[in-house]
Full PDB file with SEQRES, HELIX, SHEET, SSBOND, CRYST1, ORIGX, SCALE, CONECT and MASTER records, all heavy atoms in Angstrom:
SEQRES   1 A   35  GLU PRO ALA ARG LEU SER PHE GLY VAL PRO SER THR ASN          
SEQRES   2 A   35  PRO ASN CYS GLY ALA ILE THR ARG LEU ARG SER ARG ILE          
SEQRES   3 A   35  LYS VAL TYR ARG ASP GLY GLN LEU LEU                          
SHEET    1 AA1 2 TYR A  29  ARG A  30  0                                        
SHEET    2 AA1 2 GLN A  33  LEU A  34 -1                                        
CRYST1    1.000    1.000    1.000  90.00  90.00  90.00 P 1           1          
ORIGX1      1.000000  0.000000  0.000000        0.00000                         
ORIGX2      0.000000  1.000000  0.000000        0.00000                         
ORIGX3      0.000000  0.000000  1.000000        0.00000                         
SCALE1      1.000000  0.000000  0.000000        0.00000                         
SCALE2      0.000000  1.000000  0.000000        0.00000                         
SCALE3      0.000000  0.000000  1.000000        0.00000                         
ATOM      1  N   GLU A   1       1.383  18.820   9.499  1.00  0.00           N  
ATOM      2  CA  GLU A   1       1.023  19.791  10.534  1.00  0.00           C  
ATOM      3  C   GLU A   1      -0.051  19.168  11.405  1.00  0.00           C  
ATOM      4  O   GLU A   1      -0.864  18.381  10.919  1.00  0.00           O  
ATOM      5  CB  GLU A   1       0.489  21.092   9.922  1.00  0.00           C  
ATOM      6  CG  GLU A   1       1.509  21.901   9.162  1.00  0.00           C  
ATOM      7  CD  GLU A   1       2.619  22.453  10.055  1.00  0.00           C  
ATOM      8  OE1 GLU A   1       2.375  22.676  11.255  1.00  0.00           O  
ATOM      9  OE2 GLU A   1       3.722  22.654   9.548  1.00  0.00           O  
ATOM     10  N   PRO A   2      -0.099  19.523  12.685  1.00  0.00           N  
ATOM     11  CA  PRO A   2      -1.188  19.003  13.521  1.00  0.00           C  
ATOM     12  C   PRO A   2      -2.542  19.477  12.993  1.00  0.00           C  
ATOM     13  O   PRO A   2      -2.697  20.634  12.607  1.00  0.00           O  
ATOM     14  CB  PRO A   2      -0.906  19.620  14.899  1.00  0.00           C  
ATOM     15  CG  PRO A   2       0.552  19.953  14.872  1.00  0.00           C  
ATOM     16  CD  PRO A   2       0.858  20.315  13.444  1.00  0.00           C  
ATOM     17  N   ALA A   3      -3.485  18.565  12.941  1.00  0.00           N  
ATOM     18  CA  ALA A   3      -4.843  18.907  12.523  1.00  0.00           C  
ATOM     19  C   ALA A   3      -5.484  19.798  13.587  1.00  0.00           C  
ATOM     20  O   ALA A   3      -5.007  19.877  14.724  1.00  0.00           O  
ATOM     21  CB  ALA A   3      -5.660  17.638  12.325  1.00  0.00           C  
ATOM     22  N   ARG A   4      -6.572  20.456  13.203  1.00  0.00           N  
ATOM     23  CA  ARG A   4      -7.268  21.365  14.125  1.00  0.00           C  
ATOM     24  C   ARG A   4      -8.770  21.199  13.914  1.00  0.00           C  
ATOM     25  O   ARG A   4      -9.242  21.189  12.781  1.00  0.00           O  
ATOM     26  CB  ARG A   4      -6.827  22.788  13.848  1.00  0.00           C  
ATOM     27  CG  ARG A   4      -7.393  23.817  14.761  1.00  0.00           C  
ATOM     28  CD  ARG A   4      -6.750  25.175  14.426  1.00  0.00           C  
ATOM     29  NE  ARG A   4      -7.379  26.254  15.115  1.00  0.00           N  
ATOM     30  CZ  ARG A   4      -7.015  26.717  16.292  1.00  0.00           C  
ATOM     31  NH1 ARG A   4      -6.005  26.164  16.923  1.00  0.00           N  
ATOM     32  NH2 ARG A   4      -7.634  27.715  16.867  1.00  0.00           N  
ATOM     33  N   LEU A   5      -9.486  21.080  15.010  1.00  0.00           N  
ATOM     34  CA  LEU A   5     -10.940  20.957  14.980  1.00  0.00           C  
ATOM     35  C   LEU A   5     -11.535  22.013  15.887  1.00  0.00           C  
ATOM     36  O   LEU A   5     -11.163  22.103  17.061  1.00  0.00           O  
ATOM     37  CB  LEU A   5     -11.372  19.560  15.460  1.00  0.00           C  
ATOM     38  CG  LEU A   5     -12.868  19.330  15.643  1.00  0.00           C  
ATOM     39  CD1 LEU A   5     -13.596  19.375  14.299  1.00  0.00           C  
ATOM     40  CD2 LEU A   5     -13.122  17.998  16.345  1.00  0.00           C  
ATOM     41  N   SER A   6     -12.431  22.825  15.342  1.00  0.00           N  
ATOM     42  CA  SER A   6     -13.159  23.786  16.176  1.00  0.00           C  
ATOM     43  C   SER A   6     -14.653  23.472  16.059  1.00  0.00           C  
ATOM     44  O   SER A   6     -15.121  23.045  14.999  1.00  0.00           O  
ATOM     45  CB  SER A   6     -12.870  25.222  15.744  1.00  0.00           C  
ATOM     46  OG  SER A   6     -13.287  25.433  14.415  1.00  0.00           O  
ATOM     47  N   PHE A   7     -15.382  23.674  17.147  1.00  0.00           N  
ATOM     48  CA  PHE A   7     -16.811  23.360  17.147  1.00  0.00           C  
ATOM     49  C   PHE A   7     -17.488  23.995  18.350  1.00  0.00           C  
ATOM     50  O   PHE A   7     -16.847  24.337  19.342  1.00  0.00           O  
ATOM     51  CB  PHE A   7     -17.042  21.847  17.149  1.00  0.00           C  
ATOM     52  CG  PHE A   7     -16.431  21.120  18.326  1.00  0.00           C  
ATOM     53  CD1 PHE A   7     -17.197  20.821  19.444  1.00  0.00           C  
ATOM     54  CD2 PHE A   7     -15.097  20.730  18.314  1.00  0.00           C  
ATOM     55  CE1 PHE A   7     -16.638  20.147  20.527  1.00  0.00           C  
ATOM     56  CE2 PHE A   7     -14.535  20.061  19.386  1.00  0.00           C  
ATOM     57  CZ  PHE A   7     -15.306  19.768  20.495  1.00  0.00           C  
ATOM     58  N   GLY A   8     -18.787  24.134  18.244  1.00  0.00           N  
ATOM     59  CA  GLY A   8     -19.608  24.587  19.355  1.00  0.00           C  
ATOM     60  C   GLY A   8     -20.535  23.468  19.793  1.00  0.00           C  
ATOM     61  O   GLY A   8     -20.918  22.613  18.984  1.00  0.00           O  
ATOM     62  N   VAL A   9     -20.887  23.456  21.057  1.00  0.00           N  
ATOM     63  CA  VAL A   9     -21.789  22.442  21.602  1.00  0.00           C  
ATOM     64  C   VAL A   9     -22.955  23.156  22.278  1.00  0.00           C  
ATOM     65  O   VAL A   9     -22.747  23.881  23.257  1.00  0.00           O  
ATOM     66  CB  VAL A   9     -21.080  21.521  22.613  1.00  0.00           C  
ATOM     67  CG1 VAL A   9     -22.038  20.461  23.143  1.00  0.00           C  
ATOM     68  CG2 VAL A   9     -19.858  20.871  22.000  1.00  0.00           C  
ATOM     69  N   PRO A  10     -24.167  22.966  21.782  1.00  0.00           N  
ATOM     70  CA  PRO A  10     -25.310  23.611  22.426  1.00  0.00           C  
ATOM     71  C   PRO A  10     -25.620  22.942  23.766  1.00  0.00           C  
ATOM     72  O   PRO A  10     -25.286  21.776  23.984  1.00  0.00           O  
ATOM     73  CB  PRO A  10     -26.444  23.402  21.422  1.00  0.00           C  
ATOM     74  CG  PRO A  10     -26.073  22.167  20.675  1.00  0.00           C  
ATOM     75  CD  PRO A  10     -24.563  22.161  20.620  1.00  0.00           C  
ATOM     76  N   SER A  11     -26.262  23.669  24.636  1.00  0.00           N  
ATOM     77  CA  SER A  11     -26.591  23.119  25.957  1.00  0.00           C  
ATOM     78  C   SER A  11     -27.597  21.978  25.872  1.00  0.00           C  
ATOM     79  O   SER A  11     -27.758  21.229  26.832  1.00  0.00           O  
ATOM     80  CB  SER A  11     -27.129  24.229  26.864  1.00  0.00           C  
ATOM     81  OG  SER A  11     -28.272  24.811  26.286  1.00  0.00           O  
ATOM     82  N   THR A  12     -28.261  21.817  24.734  1.00  0.00           N  
ATOM     83  CA  THR A  12     -29.220  20.727  24.558  1.00  0.00           C  
ATOM     84  C   THR A  12     -28.561  19.393  24.219  1.00  0.00           C  
ATOM     85  O   THR A  12     -29.212  18.357  24.247  1.00  0.00           O  
ATOM     86  CB  THR A  12     -30.217  21.094  23.440  1.00  0.00           C  
ATOM     87  OG1 THR A  12     -29.481  21.381  22.248  1.00  0.00           O  
ATOM     88  CG2 THR A  12     -31.072  22.291  23.833  1.00  0.00           C  
ATOM     89  N   ASN A  13     -27.270  19.401  23.900  1.00  0.00           N  
ATOM     90  CA  ASN A  13     -26.555  18.167  23.605  1.00  0.00           C  
ATOM     91  C   ASN A  13     -26.393  17.397  24.921  1.00  0.00           C  
ATOM     92  O   ASN A  13     -25.887  17.942  25.907  1.00  0.00           O  
ATOM     93  CB  ASN A  13     -25.182  18.481  22.995  1.00  0.00           C  
ATOM     94  CG  ASN A  13     -24.444  17.246  22.535  1.00  0.00           C  
ATOM     95  OD1 ASN A  13     -24.324  16.267  23.252  1.00  0.00           O  
ATOM     96  ND2 ASN A  13     -23.922  17.299  21.318  1.00  0.00           N  
ATOM     97  N   PRO A  14     -26.827  16.133  24.985  1.00  0.00           N  
ATOM     98  CA  PRO A  14     -26.743  15.366  26.237  1.00  0.00           C  
ATOM     99  C   PRO A  14     -25.338  15.270  26.835  1.00  0.00           C  
ATOM    100  O   PRO A  14     -25.201  15.067  28.044  1.00  0.00           O  
ATOM    101  CB  PRO A  14     -27.258  13.981  25.843  1.00  0.00           C  
ATOM    102  CG  PRO A  14     -28.113  14.225  24.649  1.00  0.00           C  
ATOM    103  CD  PRO A  14     -27.474  15.376  23.923  1.00  0.00           C  
ATOM    104  N   ASN A  15     -24.297  15.407  26.034  1.00  0.00           N  
ATOM    105  CA  ASN A  15     -22.932  15.294  26.538  1.00  0.00           C  
ATOM    106  C   ASN A  15     -22.181  16.618  26.497  1.00  0.00           C  
ATOM    107  O   ASN A  15     -20.944  16.633  26.454  1.00  0.00           O  
ATOM    108  CB  ASN A  15     -22.168  14.223  25.745  1.00  0.00           C  
ATOM    109  CG  ASN A  15     -22.690  12.843  26.053  1.00  0.00           C  
ATOM    110  OD1 ASN A  15     -22.969  12.523  27.211  1.00  0.00           O  
ATOM    111  ND2 ASN A  15     -22.858  12.035  25.036  1.00  0.00           N  
ATOM    112  N   CYS A  16     -22.915  17.732  26.594  1.00  0.00           N  
ATOM    113  CA  CYS A  16     -22.259  19.045  26.515  1.00  0.00           C  
ATOM    114  C   CYS A  16     -21.297  19.284  27.678  1.00  0.00           C  
ATOM    115  O   CYS A  16     -20.346  20.030  27.547  1.00  0.00           O  
ATOM    116  CB  CYS A  16     -23.285  20.171  26.421  1.00  0.00           C  
ATOM    117  SG  CYS A  16     -24.222  20.449  27.918  1.00  0.00           S  
ATOM    118  N   GLY A  17     -21.475  18.628  28.793  1.00  0.00           N  
ATOM    119  CA  GLY A  17     -20.589  18.815  29.944  1.00  0.00           C  
ATOM    120  C   GLY A  17     -19.464  17.802  30.027  1.00  0.00           C  
ATOM    121  O   GLY A  17     -18.705  17.792  30.996  1.00  0.00           O  
ATOM    122  N   ALA A  18     -19.311  16.965  29.009  1.00  0.00           N  
ATOM    123  CA  ALA A  18     -18.321  15.886  29.067  1.00  0.00           C  
ATOM    124  C   ALA A  18     -16.919  16.324  28.664  1.00  0.00           C  
ATOM    125  O   ALA A  18     -15.964  15.580  28.859  1.00  0.00           O  
ATOM    126  CB  ALA A  18     -18.764  14.734  28.160  1.00  0.00           C  
ATOM    127  N   ILE A  19     -16.778  17.528  28.135  1.00  0.00           N  
ATOM    128  CA  ILE A  19     -15.493  17.944  27.573  1.00  0.00           C  
ATOM    129  C   ILE A  19     -14.677  18.727  28.599  1.00  0.00           C  
ATOM    130  O   ILE A  19     -15.160  19.708  29.165  1.00  0.00           O  
ATOM    131  CB  ILE A  19     -15.721  18.803  26.317  1.00  0.00           C  
ATOM    132  CG1 ILE A  19     -16.548  18.026  25.298  1.00  0.00           C  
ATOM    133  CG2 ILE A  19     -14.397  19.231  25.707  1.00  0.00           C  
ATOM    134  CD1 ILE A  19     -17.042  18.859  24.143  1.00  0.00           C  
ATOM    135  N   THR A  20     -13.430  18.303  28.810  1.00  0.00           N  
ATOM    136  CA  THR A  20     -12.516  18.971  29.732  1.00  0.00           C  
ATOM    137  C   THR A  20     -11.243  19.341  28.978  1.00  0.00           C  
ATOM    138  O   THR A  20     -10.619  18.479  28.348  1.00  0.00           O  
ATOM    139  CB  THR A  20     -12.155  18.039  30.908  1.00  0.00           C  
ATOM    140  OG1 THR A  20     -13.355  17.618  31.540  1.00  0.00           O  
ATOM    141  CG2 THR A  20     -11.270  18.746  31.921  1.00  0.00           C  
ATOM    142  N   ARG A  21     -10.884  20.611  29.071  1.00  0.00           N  
ATOM    143  CA  ARG A  21      -9.689  21.096  28.373  1.00  0.00           C  
ATOM    144  C   ARG A  21      -8.446  20.331  28.825  1.00  0.00           C  
ATOM    145  O   ARG A  21      -8.249  20.074  30.000  1.00  0.00           O  
ATOM    146  CB  ARG A  21      -9.506  22.592  28.611  1.00  0.00           C  
ATOM    147  CG  ARG A  21      -8.393  23.198  27.786  1.00  0.00           C  
ATOM    148  CD  ARG A  21      -8.425  24.709  27.770  1.00  0.00           C  
ATOM    149  NE  ARG A  21      -8.575  25.326  29.061  1.00  0.00           N  
ATOM    150  CZ  ARG A  21      -7.559  25.759  29.807  1.00  0.00           C  
ATOM    151  NH1 ARG A  21      -6.339  25.640  29.375  1.00  0.00           N  
ATOM    152  NH2 ARG A  21      -7.789  26.312  30.970  1.00  0.00           N  
ATOM    153  N   LEU A  22      -7.617  19.954  27.885  1.00  0.00           N  
ATOM    154  CA  LEU A  22      -6.358  19.231  28.029  1.00  0.00           C  
ATOM    155  C   LEU A  22      -6.506  17.791  28.530  1.00  0.00           C  
ATOM    156  O   LEU A  22      -5.529  17.057  28.571  1.00  0.00           O  
ATOM    157  CB  LEU A  22      -5.363  19.980  28.929  1.00  0.00           C  
ATOM    158  CG  LEU A  22      -4.902  21.322  28.394  1.00  0.00           C  
ATOM    159  CD1 LEU A  22      -3.989  22.005  29.409  1.00  0.00           C  
ATOM    160  CD2 LEU A  22      -4.182  21.171  27.067  1.00  0.00           C  
ATOM    161  N   ARG A  23      -7.691  17.381  28.894  1.00  0.00           N  
ATOM    162  CA  ARG A  23      -7.891  16.018  29.360  1.00  0.00           C  
ATOM    163  C   ARG A  23      -8.692  15.181  28.365  1.00  0.00           C  
ATOM    164  O   ARG A  23      -8.406  14.012  28.159  1.00  0.00           O  
ATOM    165  CB  ARG A  23      -8.605  16.023  30.706  1.00  0.00           C  
ATOM    166  CG  ARG A  23      -7.975  15.039  31.650  1.00  0.00           C  
ATOM    167  CD  ARG A  23      -8.635  15.004  32.978  1.00  0.00           C  
ATOM    168  NE  ARG A  23      -8.033  16.018  33.852  1.00  0.00           N  
ATOM    169  CZ  ARG A  23      -8.651  16.575  34.856  1.00  0.00           C  
ATOM    170  NH1 ARG A  23      -9.884  16.255  35.141  1.00  0.00           N  
ATOM    171  NH2 ARG A  23      -8.040  17.458  35.596  1.00  0.00           N  
ATOM    172  N   SER A  24      -9.698  15.790  27.772  1.00  0.00           N  
ATOM    173  CA  SER A  24     -10.578  15.056  26.859  1.00  0.00           C  
ATOM    174  C   SER A  24      -9.905  14.775  25.528  1.00  0.00           C  
ATOM    175  O   SER A  24      -9.173  15.610  25.010  1.00  0.00           O  
ATOM    176  CB  SER A  24     -11.858  15.855  26.610  1.00  0.00           C  
ATOM    177  OG  SER A  24     -12.598  15.988  27.797  1.00  0.00           O  
ATOM    178  N   ARG A  25     -10.174  13.614  24.986  1.00  0.00           N  
ATOM    179  CA  ARG A  25      -9.700  13.234  23.660  1.00  0.00           C  
ATOM    180  C   ARG A  25     -10.900  13.244  22.718  1.00  0.00           C  
ATOM    181  O   ARG A  25     -11.892  12.549  22.948  1.00  0.00           O  
ATOM    182  CB  ARG A  25      -9.066  11.835  23.657  1.00  0.00           C  
ATOM    183  CG  ARG A  25      -7.851  11.718  24.557  1.00  0.00           C  
ATOM    184  CD  ARG A  25      -6.705  12.579  24.050  1.00  0.00           C  
ATOM    185  NE  ARG A  25      -5.537  12.489  24.893  1.00  0.00           N  
ATOM    186  CZ  ARG A  25      -5.101  13.485  25.657  1.00  0.00           C  
ATOM    187  NH1 ARG A  25      -5.749  14.616  25.700  1.00  0.00           N  
ATOM    188  NH2 ARG A  25      -4.023  13.356  26.384  1.00  0.00           N  
ATOM    189  N   ILE A  26     -10.792  14.034  21.670  1.00  0.00           N  
ATOM    190  CA  ILE A  26     -11.858  14.136  20.683  1.00  0.00           C  
ATOM    191  C   ILE A  26     -11.502  13.235  19.510  1.00  0.00           C  
ATOM    192  O   ILE A  26     -10.366  13.238  19.032  1.00  0.00           O  
ATOM    193  CB  ILE A  26     -12.028  15.596  20.192  1.00  0.00           C  
ATOM    194  CG1 ILE A  26     -12.280  16.537  21.375  1.00  0.00           C  
ATOM    195  CG2 ILE A  26     -13.139  15.685  19.158  1.00  0.00           C  
ATOM    196  CD1 ILE A  26     -13.556  16.278  22.146  1.00  0.00           C  
ATOM    197  N   LYS A  27     -12.474  12.461  19.052  1.00  0.00           N  
ATOM    198  CA  LYS A  27     -12.275  11.563  17.922  1.00  0.00           C  
ATOM    199  C   LYS A  27     -13.338  11.861  16.873  1.00  0.00           C  
ATOM    200  O   LYS A  27     -14.518  11.960  17.201  1.00  0.00           O  
ATOM    201  CB  LYS A  27     -12.393  10.109  18.363  1.00  0.00           C  
ATOM    202  CG  LYS A  27     -11.371   9.701  19.390  1.00  0.00           C  
ATOM    203  CD  LYS A  27     -11.647   8.309  19.914  1.00  0.00           C  
ATOM    204  CE  LYS A  27     -11.009   8.148  21.270  1.00  0.00           C  
ATOM    205  NZ  LYS A  27     -11.784   7.338  22.165  1.00  0.00           N  
ATOM    206  N   VAL A  28     -12.907  12.011  15.630  1.00  0.00           N  
ATOM    207  CA  VAL A  28     -13.824  12.198  14.513  1.00  0.00           C  
ATOM    208  C   VAL A  28     -13.695  10.972  13.618  1.00  0.00           C  
ATOM    209  O   VAL A  28     -12.587  10.610  13.212  1.00  0.00           O  
ATOM    210  CB  VAL A  28     -13.497  13.481  13.713  1.00  0.00           C  
ATOM    211  CG1 VAL A  28     -14.410  13.604  12.501  1.00  0.00           C  
ATOM    212  CG2 VAL A  28     -13.604  14.713  14.598  1.00  0.00           C  
ATOM    213  N   TYR A  29     -14.827  10.359  13.329  1.00  0.00           N  
ATOM    214  CA  TYR A  29     -14.858   9.189  12.459  1.00  0.00           C  
ATOM    215  C   TYR A  29     -15.613   9.531  11.180  1.00  0.00           C  
ATOM    216  O   TYR A  29     -16.602  10.268  11.209  1.00  0.00           O  
ATOM    217  CB  TYR A  29     -15.581   8.021  13.141  1.00  0.00           C  
ATOM    218  CG  TYR A  29     -14.849   7.467  14.328  1.00  0.00           C  
ATOM    219  CD1 TYR A  29     -15.086   7.962  15.599  1.00  0.00           C  
ATOM    220  CD2 TYR A  29     -13.929   6.433  14.174  1.00  0.00           C  
ATOM    221  CE1 TYR A  29     -14.416   7.446  16.707  1.00  0.00           C  
ATOM    222  CE2 TYR A  29     -13.259   5.905  15.268  1.00  0.00           C  
ATOM    223  CZ  TYR A  29     -13.513   6.427  16.530  1.00  0.00           C  
ATOM    224  OH  TYR A  29     -12.852   5.918  17.610  1.00  0.00           O  
ATOM    225  N   ARG A  30     -15.134   8.998  10.086  1.00  0.00           N  
ATOM    226  CA  ARG A  30     -15.832   9.112   8.808  1.00  0.00           C  
ATOM    227  C   ARG A  30     -16.106   7.693   8.333  1.00  0.00           C  
ATOM    228  O   ARG A  30     -15.165   6.933   8.079  1.00  0.00           O  
ATOM    229  CB  ARG A  30     -14.991   9.850   7.792  1.00  0.00           C  
ATOM    230  CG  ARG A  30     -15.680  10.015   6.458  1.00  0.00           C  
ATOM    231  CD  ARG A  30     -14.798  10.784   5.511  1.00  0.00           C  
ATOM    232  NE  ARG A  30     -15.528  11.059   4.303  1.00  0.00           N  
ATOM    233  CZ  ARG A  30     -14.986  11.673   3.281  1.00  0.00           C  
ATOM    234  NH1 ARG A  30     -13.734  12.076   3.327  1.00  0.00           N  
ATOM    235  NH2 ARG A  30     -15.687  11.882   2.208  1.00  0.00           N  
ATOM    236  N   ASP A  31     -17.364   7.330   8.269  1.00  0.00           N  
ATOM    237  CA  ASP A  31     -17.776   5.985   7.875  1.00  0.00           C  
ATOM    238  C   ASP A  31     -17.066   4.916   8.704  1.00  0.00           C  
ATOM    239  O   ASP A  31     -16.605   3.900   8.183  1.00  0.00           O  
ATOM    240  CB  ASP A  31     -17.534   5.758   6.377  1.00  0.00           C  
ATOM    241  CG  ASP A  31     -18.334   6.720   5.515  1.00  0.00           C  
ATOM    242  OD1 ASP A  31     -19.458   7.081   5.914  1.00  0.00           O  
ATOM    243  OD2 ASP A  31     -17.820   7.127   4.454  1.00  0.00           O  
ATOM    244  N   GLY A  32     -16.932   5.176  10.000  1.00  0.00           N  
ATOM    245  CA  GLY A  32     -16.337   4.211  10.916  1.00  0.00           C  
ATOM    246  C   GLY A  32     -14.818   4.231  10.992  1.00  0.00           C  
ATOM    247  O   GLY A  32     -14.237   3.550  11.823  1.00  0.00           O  
ATOM    248  N   GLN A  33     -14.151   5.004  10.145  1.00  0.00           N  
ATOM    249  CA  GLN A  33     -12.696   5.101  10.151  1.00  0.00           C  
ATOM    250  C   GLN A  33     -12.266   6.350  10.911  1.00  0.00           C  
ATOM    251  O   GLN A  33     -12.803   7.432  10.678  1.00  0.00           O  
ATOM    252  CB  GLN A  33     -12.159   5.186   8.717  1.00  0.00           C  
ATOM    253  CG  GLN A  33     -12.377   3.931   7.894  1.00  0.00           C  
ATOM    254  CD  GLN A  33     -11.464   2.827   8.338  1.00  0.00           C  
ATOM    255  OE1 GLN A  33     -11.853   1.981   9.135  1.00  0.00           O  
ATOM    256  NE2 GLN A  33     -10.258   2.805   7.838  1.00  0.00           N  
ATOM    257  N   LEU A  34     -11.290   6.206  11.793  1.00  0.00           N  
ATOM    258  CA  LEU A  34     -10.793   7.338  12.565  1.00  0.00           C  
ATOM    259  C   LEU A  34     -10.114   8.333  11.627  1.00  0.00           C  
ATOM    260  O   LEU A  34      -9.187   7.992  10.908  1.00  0.00           O  
ATOM    261  CB  LEU A  34      -9.805   6.867  13.638  1.00  0.00           C  
ATOM    262  CG  LEU A  34      -9.267   7.939  14.575  1.00  0.00           C  
ATOM    263  CD1 LEU A  34     -10.387   8.546  15.421  1.00  0.00           C  
ATOM    264  CD2 LEU A  34      -8.192   7.354  15.478  1.00  0.00           C  
ATOM    265  N   LEU A  35     -10.591   9.577  11.641  1.00  0.00           N  
ATOM    266  CA  LEU A  35     -10.063  10.637  10.786  1.00  0.00           C  
ATOM    267  C   LEU A  35      -9.255  11.649  11.591  1.00  0.00           C  
ATOM    268  O   LEU A  35      -8.304  12.234  11.093  1.00  0.00           O  
ATOM    269  CB  LEU A  35     -11.233  11.341  10.083  1.00  0.00           C  
ATOM    270  CG  LEU A  35     -10.932  12.433   9.092  1.00  0.00           C  
ATOM    271  CD1 LEU A  35     -10.158  11.883   7.904  1.00  0.00           C  
ATOM    272  CD2 LEU A  35     -12.226  13.082   8.622  1.00  0.00           C  
TER     273      LEU A  35                                                      
MASTER        0    0    0    0    2    0    0    6  272    1    0    3          
END                                                                             
């Protein structure tokens, strides 16, 4: 099944404005390995 990631970004995060729906690619790494 497709994985799902949900999260919130506070306005204090330096890259809070970098995310664009359907365009941005989110990557989660665990110890340097793409998860």
